[in-house]
């Protein structure tokens, strides 16, 4: 019984922070950006990608996600325009990536620029779901 009282006292003191503001994420920590899908077109790490198709295709696409293309120049582009996946897929693509594909219409890209592709979709928690898909460099 004495040990139970000590444990309870320790837990109670750990919970009181001296302020009346509740913790921002009770019971869990927000995840870091995680890879939950793969780039199908263009292949992640591809170089010399010609910007004529104006689309990105990913696997495990988040249906309500907005893709963010972050350029090495600091420019950020976003696309929420989900479009039908073309058949056949444009090249260079990665046919070994299995699963559901999601295609996004994107704005024109700058030449000789590396883009990193991420997406965020809000969930019922304040964290949202973050995804890193990969990167590529335009011609």
N, C-alpha and C. Protein backbone atom coordinates (compact mmCIF):
# COMPACT_ATOMS: atom_id res chain seq x y z
N UNK A 1 0.82 -1.19 0.00
CA UNK A 1 0.00 0.00 0.00
C UNK A 1 0.87 1.26 0.00
N UNK A 2 1.97 1.21 0.76
CA UNK A 2 2.87 2.35 0.84
C UNK A 2 3.43 2.67 -0.54
N UNK A 3 3.78 1.62 -1.31
CA UNK A 3 4.34 1.84 -2.65
C UNK A 3 3.30 2.41 -3.59
N UNK A 4 2.06 2.00 -3.43
CA UNK A 4 0.97 2.52 -4.27
C UNK A 4 0.77 4.01 -4.02
N UNK A 5 0.86 4.44 -2.78
CA UNK A 5 0.72 5.85 -2.44
C UNK A 5 1.87 6.65 -3.03
N UNK A 6 3.07 6.11 -2.99
CA UNK A 6 4.24 6.81 -3.55
C UNK A 6 4.08 6.95 -5.06
N UNK A 7 3.68 5.88 -5.74
CA UNK A 7 3.48 5.93 -7.19
C UNK A 7 2.40 6.95 -7.53
N UNK A 8 1.30 6.96 -6.78
CA UNK A 8 0.23 7.91 -7.04
C UNK A 8 0.72 9.35 -6.85
N UNK A 9 1.51 9.59 -5.83
CA UNK A 9 2.05 10.93 -5.57
C UNK A 9 2.97 11.37 -6.70
N UNK A 10 3.78 10.44 -7.21
CA UNK A 10 4.68 10.78 -8.32
C UNK A 10 3.89 11.11 -9.57
N UNK A 11 2.88 10.30 -9.87
CA UNK A 11 2.04 10.56 -11.04
C UNK A 11 1.30 11.88 -10.92
N UNK A 12 0.79 12.17 -9.73
CA UNK A 12 0.06 13.42 -9.51
C UNK A 12 0.98 14.62 -9.67
N UNK A 13 2.20 14.54 -9.17
CA UNK A 13 3.13 15.66 -9.31
C UNK A 13 3.58 15.84 -10.76
N UNK A 14 3.66 14.74 -11.50
CA UNK A 14 4.05 14.85 -12.90
C UNK A 14 2.97 15.50 -13.74
N UNK A 15 1.73 15.36 -13.30
CA UNK A 15 0.62 15.93 -14.06
C UNK A 15 0.44 17.41 -13.80
N UNK A 16 0.87 17.90 -12.66
CA UNK A 16 0.66 19.32 -12.37
C UNK A 16 1.85 20.11 -12.85
N UNK A 17 1.59 21.05 -13.75
CA UNK A 17 2.69 21.84 -14.31
C UNK A 17 2.72 23.25 -13.77
N UNK A 18 1.76 23.60 -12.89
CA UNK A 18 1.75 24.94 -12.34
C UNK A 18 0.99 25.93 -13.19
N UNK A 19 0.48 25.51 -14.34
CA UNK A 19 -0.32 26.38 -15.19
C UNK A 19 -1.66 25.72 -15.46
N UNK A 20 -2.58 26.48 -15.97
CA UNK A 20 -3.90 25.95 -16.27
C UNK A 20 -4.08 25.64 -17.75
N UNK A 21 -3.02 25.66 -18.53
CA UNK A 21 -3.15 25.37 -19.94
C UNK A 21 -2.99 23.88 -20.18
N UNK A 22 -3.93 23.27 -20.89
CA UNK A 22 -3.84 21.83 -21.13
C UNK A 22 -2.74 21.52 -22.13
N UNK A 23 -2.18 20.32 -22.07
CA UNK A 23 -1.18 19.95 -23.07
C UNK A 23 -1.79 19.95 -24.45
N UNK A 24 -0.99 20.26 -25.47
CA UNK A 24 -1.53 20.40 -26.81
C UNK A 24 -1.89 19.07 -27.45
N UNK A 25 -1.24 17.99 -27.05
CA UNK A 25 -1.51 16.68 -27.64
C UNK A 25 -1.60 15.65 -26.52
N UNK A 26 -2.74 15.55 -25.89
CA UNK A 26 -2.92 14.66 -24.76
C UNK A 26 -2.82 13.21 -25.22
N UNK A 27 -1.91 12.48 -24.63
CA UNK A 27 -1.84 11.05 -24.85
C UNK A 27 -1.04 10.58 -26.06
N UNK A 28 -0.59 11.48 -26.93
CA UNK A 28 0.18 11.04 -28.08
C UNK A 28 1.07 12.17 -28.57
N UNK A 29 2.06 11.81 -29.33
CA UNK A 29 2.95 12.79 -29.94
C UNK A 29 2.64 12.85 -31.42
N UNK A 30 2.70 14.03 -31.99
CA UNK A 30 2.47 14.16 -33.43
C UNK A 30 3.60 13.48 -34.18
N UNK A 31 3.26 12.73 -35.23
CA UNK A 31 4.32 12.05 -35.99
C UNK A 31 5.11 13.04 -36.82
N UNK A 32 6.35 12.69 -37.06
CA UNK A 32 7.16 13.45 -38.00
C UNK A 32 6.65 13.13 -39.40
N UNK A 33 7.16 13.86 -40.39
CA UNK A 33 6.81 13.54 -41.77
C UNK A 33 7.27 12.13 -42.05
N UNK A 34 6.40 11.31 -42.59
CA UNK A 34 6.75 9.93 -42.84
C UNK A 34 6.46 9.56 -44.28
N UNK A 35 7.16 8.57 -44.77
CA UNK A 35 6.93 8.11 -46.13
C UNK A 35 5.79 7.12 -46.09
N UNK A 36 4.67 7.45 -46.73
CA UNK A 36 3.54 6.54 -46.74
C UNK A 36 3.15 6.18 -48.17
N UNK A 37 3.91 6.64 -49.11
CA UNK A 37 3.65 6.33 -50.50
C UNK A 37 4.92 6.50 -51.31
N UNK A 38 4.82 6.22 -52.58
CA UNK A 38 5.98 6.35 -53.46
C UNK A 38 5.60 7.16 -54.68
N UNK A 39 6.57 7.80 -55.26
CA UNK A 39 6.33 8.49 -56.52
C UNK A 39 6.33 7.46 -57.63
N UNK A 40 5.32 7.52 -58.47
CA UNK A 40 5.24 6.63 -59.62
C UNK A 40 5.73 7.38 -60.85
N UNK A 41 5.30 8.63 -61.01
CA UNK A 41 5.77 9.49 -62.10
C UNK A 41 5.96 10.89 -61.57
N UNK A 42 7.09 11.47 -61.78
CA UNK A 42 8.33 10.82 -62.20
C UNK A 42 8.88 9.97 -61.06
N UNK A 43 9.82 9.12 -61.36
CA UNK A 43 10.45 8.28 -60.34
C UNK A 43 11.21 9.18 -59.37
N UNK A 44 11.11 8.88 -58.08
CA UNK A 44 11.86 9.65 -57.10
C UNK A 44 13.35 9.54 -57.41
N UNK A 45 14.02 10.68 -57.44
CA UNK A 45 15.44 10.73 -57.74
C UNK A 45 15.73 10.94 -59.22
N UNK A 46 14.67 10.96 -60.05
CA UNK A 46 14.87 11.14 -61.50
C UNK A 46 15.48 12.50 -61.78
N UNK A 47 16.32 12.55 -62.81
CA UNK A 47 16.90 13.81 -63.26
C UNK A 47 16.54 13.99 -64.73
N UNK A 48 16.56 15.20 -65.20
CA UNK A 48 16.25 15.48 -66.60
C UNK A 48 14.79 15.28 -66.94
N UNK A 49 13.89 15.46 -65.95
CA UNK A 49 12.46 15.29 -66.19
C UNK A 49 11.96 16.46 -67.03
N UNK A 50 11.34 16.15 -68.15
CA UNK A 50 10.79 17.17 -69.04
C UNK A 50 9.42 17.58 -68.49
N UNK A 51 9.21 18.88 -68.40
CA UNK A 51 7.96 19.38 -67.82
C UNK A 51 6.91 19.62 -68.90
N UNK A 52 6.46 18.56 -69.54
CA UNK A 52 5.42 18.72 -70.56
C UNK A 52 4.10 18.12 -70.12
N UNK A 53 4.14 17.19 -69.16
CA UNK A 53 2.91 16.53 -68.73
C UNK A 53 2.18 17.28 -67.64
N UNK A 54 2.88 18.07 -66.84
CA UNK A 54 2.29 18.84 -65.74
C UNK A 54 1.47 17.96 -64.81
N UNK A 55 2.02 16.81 -64.45
CA UNK A 55 1.34 15.98 -63.48
C UNK A 55 2.33 15.19 -62.65
N UNK A 56 1.85 14.79 -61.47
CA UNK A 56 2.59 13.95 -60.54
C UNK A 56 1.68 12.77 -60.24
N UNK A 57 2.25 11.57 -60.23
CA UNK A 57 1.48 10.38 -59.87
C UNK A 57 2.17 9.73 -58.68
N UNK A 58 1.39 9.46 -57.63
CA UNK A 58 1.93 8.83 -56.42
C UNK A 58 1.11 7.59 -56.10
N UNK A 59 1.72 6.67 -55.37
CA UNK A 59 0.97 5.53 -54.85
C UNK A 59 0.51 5.89 -53.45
N UNK A 60 -0.49 5.18 -52.99
CA UNK A 60 -1.04 5.42 -51.66
C UNK A 60 -1.44 6.88 -51.51
N UNK A 61 -1.98 7.45 -52.57
CA UNK A 61 -2.38 8.85 -52.55
C UNK A 61 -3.42 9.12 -51.49
N UNK A 62 -3.30 10.23 -50.84
CA UNK A 62 -4.28 10.64 -49.85
C UNK A 62 -5.39 11.37 -50.59
N UNK A 63 -6.58 10.82 -50.58
CA UNK A 63 -7.67 11.30 -51.41
C UNK A 63 -7.94 12.81 -51.28
N UNK A 64 -7.79 13.36 -50.09
CA UNK A 64 -8.09 14.78 -49.91
C UNK A 64 -6.83 15.61 -49.72
N UNK A 65 -5.69 15.06 -50.05
CA UNK A 65 -4.44 15.75 -49.80
C UNK A 65 -4.15 16.80 -50.86
N UNK A 66 -3.37 17.77 -50.47
CA UNK A 66 -2.82 18.77 -51.37
C UNK A 66 -1.35 18.46 -51.49
N UNK A 67 -0.86 18.31 -52.72
CA UNK A 67 0.56 18.08 -52.91
C UNK A 67 1.30 19.40 -52.81
N UNK A 68 2.46 19.37 -52.20
CA UNK A 68 3.32 20.54 -52.12
C UNK A 68 4.63 20.20 -52.81
N UNK A 69 5.02 21.01 -53.76
CA UNK A 69 6.28 20.86 -54.47
C UNK A 69 7.19 21.97 -53.98
N UNK A 70 8.22 21.62 -53.24
CA UNK A 70 9.16 22.60 -52.72
C UNK A 70 10.41 22.57 -53.58
N UNK A 71 10.73 23.71 -54.17
CA UNK A 71 11.89 23.82 -55.06
C UNK A 71 13.14 24.21 -54.28
N UNK A 72 14.29 23.83 -54.80
CA UNK A 72 15.55 24.22 -54.16
C UNK A 72 15.72 25.74 -54.15
N UNK A 73 15.04 26.42 -55.06
CA UNK A 73 15.12 27.88 -55.13
C UNK A 73 14.30 28.55 -54.03
N UNK A 74 13.52 27.75 -53.29
CA UNK A 74 12.67 28.31 -52.24
C UNK A 74 11.23 28.46 -52.68
N UNK A 75 10.96 28.35 -53.97
CA UNK A 75 9.60 28.46 -54.48
C UNK A 75 8.80 27.24 -54.04
N UNK A 76 7.53 27.46 -53.67
CA UNK A 76 6.65 26.37 -53.29
C UNK A 76 5.42 26.40 -54.18
N UNK A 77 5.09 25.26 -54.76
CA UNK A 77 3.90 25.12 -55.59
C UNK A 77 2.98 24.12 -54.92
N UNK A 78 1.67 24.32 -55.08
CA UNK A 78 0.72 23.36 -54.53
C UNK A 78 -0.26 22.93 -55.60
N UNK A 79 -0.79 21.74 -55.44
CA UNK A 79 -1.80 21.23 -56.36
C UNK A 79 -2.82 20.41 -55.60
N UNK A 80 -4.07 20.80 -55.75
CA UNK A 80 -5.17 20.03 -55.18
C UNK A 80 -6.00 19.43 -56.30
N UNK A 81 -5.58 19.64 -57.53
CA UNK A 81 -6.34 19.17 -58.69
C UNK A 81 -6.06 17.69 -58.93
N UNK A 82 -6.94 16.84 -58.41
CA UNK A 82 -6.81 15.40 -58.62
C UNK A 82 -7.45 15.09 -59.97
N UNK A 83 -6.71 14.35 -60.79
CA UNK A 83 -7.18 14.02 -62.13
C UNK A 83 -7.12 12.51 -62.34
N UNK A 84 -7.79 12.00 -63.36
CA UNK A 84 -7.69 10.56 -63.63
C UNK A 84 -6.25 10.17 -63.97
N UNK A 85 -5.86 9.00 -63.53
CA UNK A 85 -4.52 8.49 -63.82
C UNK A 85 -4.47 8.10 -65.29
N UNK A 86 -3.50 8.65 -66.05
CA UNK A 86 -3.42 8.33 -67.48
C UNK A 86 -3.01 6.87 -67.72
N UNK A 87 -3.48 6.34 -68.83
CA UNK A 87 -3.10 4.99 -69.23
C UNK A 87 -2.76 5.03 -70.70
N UNK A 88 -1.51 4.80 -71.07
CA UNK A 88 -0.39 4.34 -70.24
C UNK A 88 0.19 5.47 -69.41
N UNK A 89 0.96 5.09 -68.40
CA UNK A 89 1.63 6.08 -67.56
C UNK A 89 2.72 6.78 -68.35
N UNK A 90 2.93 8.08 -68.11
CA UNK A 90 4.04 8.78 -68.77
C UNK A 90 5.37 8.24 -68.25
N UNK A 91 6.44 8.51 -68.97
CA UNK A 91 7.76 8.05 -68.54
C UNK A 91 8.60 9.26 -68.12
N UNK A 92 9.54 9.12 -67.20
CA UNK A 92 9.94 7.90 -66.53
C UNK A 92 8.98 7.55 -65.39
N UNK A 93 8.50 6.33 -65.35
CA UNK A 93 7.64 5.90 -64.26
C UNK A 93 8.21 4.65 -63.62
N UNK A 94 7.67 4.31 -62.47
CA UNK A 94 8.15 3.15 -61.73
C UNK A 94 7.04 2.10 -61.70
N UNK A 95 7.04 1.16 -62.65
CA UNK A 95 5.98 0.16 -62.70
C UNK A 95 6.03 -0.85 -61.56
N UNK A 96 7.12 -0.87 -60.79
CA UNK A 96 7.21 -1.82 -59.67
C UNK A 96 6.44 -1.35 -58.45
N UNK A 97 6.00 -0.08 -58.44
CA UNK A 97 5.24 0.44 -57.32
C UNK A 97 3.82 -0.09 -57.42
N UNK A 98 3.42 -0.84 -56.41
CA UNK A 98 2.09 -1.44 -56.41
C UNK A 98 1.13 -0.60 -55.58
N UNK A 99 -0.13 -0.82 -55.77
CA UNK A 99 -1.13 -0.13 -54.97
C UNK A 99 -1.97 0.80 -55.81
N UNK A 100 -2.74 1.62 -55.13
CA UNK A 100 -3.61 2.59 -55.78
C UNK A 100 -2.80 3.81 -56.17
N UNK A 101 -3.02 4.30 -57.38
CA UNK A 101 -2.33 5.50 -57.84
C UNK A 101 -3.26 6.70 -57.73
N UNK A 102 -2.67 7.85 -57.48
CA UNK A 102 -3.40 9.12 -57.45
C UNK A 102 -2.63 10.11 -58.31
N UNK A 103 -3.30 10.75 -59.26
CA UNK A 103 -2.64 11.71 -60.15
C UNK A 103 -3.08 13.12 -59.78
N UNK A 104 -2.15 14.05 -59.86
CA UNK A 104 -2.40 15.46 -59.55
C UNK A 104 -1.94 16.33 -60.71
N UNK A 105 -2.75 17.29 -61.12
CA UNK A 105 -2.35 18.30 -62.11
C UNK A 105 -1.53 19.33 -61.36
N UNK A 106 -0.35 19.67 -61.90
CA UNK A 106 0.53 20.63 -61.25
C UNK A 106 0.81 21.80 -62.18
N UNK A 107 1.22 22.93 -61.62
CA UNK A 107 1.59 24.07 -62.46
C UNK A 107 2.89 23.79 -63.21
N UNK A 108 3.19 24.63 -64.18
CA UNK A 108 4.45 24.50 -64.93
C UNK A 108 5.62 24.59 -63.96
N UNK A 109 6.63 23.79 -64.22
CA UNK A 109 7.80 23.74 -63.35
C UNK A 109 8.98 24.48 -63.97
N UNK A 110 9.84 24.98 -63.12
CA UNK A 110 11.03 25.70 -63.58
C UNK A 110 12.06 24.71 -64.12
N UNK A 111 12.83 25.11 -65.14
CA UNK A 111 13.88 24.22 -65.66
C UNK A 111 15.04 24.08 -64.67
N UNK A 112 15.75 22.96 -64.75
CA UNK A 112 16.95 22.68 -63.94
C UNK A 112 16.72 22.96 -62.46
N UNK A 113 15.60 22.46 -61.93
CA UNK A 113 15.23 22.69 -60.54
C UNK A 113 14.86 21.37 -59.89
N UNK A 114 15.31 21.19 -58.65
CA UNK A 114 14.95 19.99 -57.89
C UNK A 114 13.72 20.31 -57.04
N UNK A 115 12.74 19.44 -57.14
CA UNK A 115 11.49 19.57 -56.39
C UNK A 115 11.35 18.41 -55.42
N UNK A 116 10.93 18.71 -54.20
CA UNK A 116 10.62 17.70 -53.20
C UNK A 116 9.10 17.68 -53.06
N UNK A 117 8.51 16.46 -53.10
CA UNK A 117 7.06 16.31 -53.09
C UNK A 117 6.60 15.82 -51.72
N UNK A 118 5.71 16.58 -51.09
CA UNK A 118 5.11 16.19 -49.82
C UNK A 118 3.61 16.47 -49.91
N UNK A 119 2.87 15.96 -48.95
CA UNK A 119 1.44 16.29 -48.87
C UNK A 119 1.02 16.29 -47.42
N UNK A 120 -0.03 17.02 -47.15
CA UNK A 120 -0.59 17.09 -45.81
C UNK A 120 -2.10 17.06 -45.94
N UNK A 121 -2.73 16.25 -45.12
CA UNK A 121 -4.18 16.25 -45.06
C UNK A 121 -4.58 16.33 -43.59
N UNK A 122 -5.56 17.14 -43.26
CA UNK A 122 -5.97 17.33 -41.88
C UNK A 122 -6.80 16.14 -41.43
N UNK A 123 -6.58 15.69 -40.22
CA UNK A 123 -7.37 14.61 -39.64
C UNK A 123 -8.15 15.15 -38.45
N UNK A 124 -8.78 14.25 -37.72
CA UNK A 124 -9.56 14.69 -36.56
C UNK A 124 -8.67 15.16 -35.42
N UNK A 125 -7.39 14.85 -35.47
CA UNK A 125 -6.46 15.37 -34.47
C UNK A 125 -5.88 16.67 -35.01
N UNK A 126 -5.19 17.38 -34.18
CA UNK A 126 -4.60 18.64 -34.64
C UNK A 126 -3.32 18.40 -35.43
N UNK A 127 -2.84 17.16 -35.51
CA UNK A 127 -1.58 16.89 -36.19
C UNK A 127 -1.73 16.80 -37.69
N UNK A 128 -2.75 16.14 -38.18
CA UNK A 128 -2.87 15.89 -39.60
C UNK A 128 -2.01 14.71 -40.01
N UNK A 129 -2.05 14.37 -41.28
CA UNK A 129 -1.24 13.28 -41.81
C UNK A 129 -0.26 13.88 -42.79
N UNK A 130 1.01 13.63 -42.58
CA UNK A 130 2.06 14.16 -43.43
C UNK A 130 2.69 13.03 -44.22
N UNK A 131 2.99 13.30 -45.49
CA UNK A 131 3.60 12.27 -46.31
C UNK A 131 4.74 12.87 -47.12
N UNK A 132 5.84 12.14 -47.20
CA UNK A 132 6.95 12.49 -48.06
C UNK A 132 6.95 11.47 -49.19
N UNK A 133 6.92 11.95 -50.43
CA UNK A 133 6.88 11.03 -51.57
C UNK A 133 8.22 10.90 -52.28
N UNK A 134 9.01 11.93 -52.33
CA UNK A 134 10.30 11.86 -53.00
C UNK A 134 10.66 13.18 -53.64
N UNK A 135 11.62 13.12 -54.57
CA UNK A 135 12.05 14.34 -55.26
C UNK A 135 12.50 13.99 -56.65
N UNK A 136 12.59 15.02 -57.51
CA UNK A 136 13.08 14.85 -58.88
C UNK A 136 13.63 16.18 -59.34
N UNK A 137 14.38 16.15 -60.45
CA UNK A 137 14.98 17.37 -61.01
C UNK A 137 14.53 17.51 -62.46
N UNK A 138 14.09 18.72 -62.80
CA UNK A 138 13.64 18.98 -64.17
C UNK A 138 14.83 19.23 -65.09
N UNK A 139 14.58 19.10 -66.39
CA UNK A 139 15.60 19.30 -67.42
C UNK A 139 15.89 20.76 -67.61
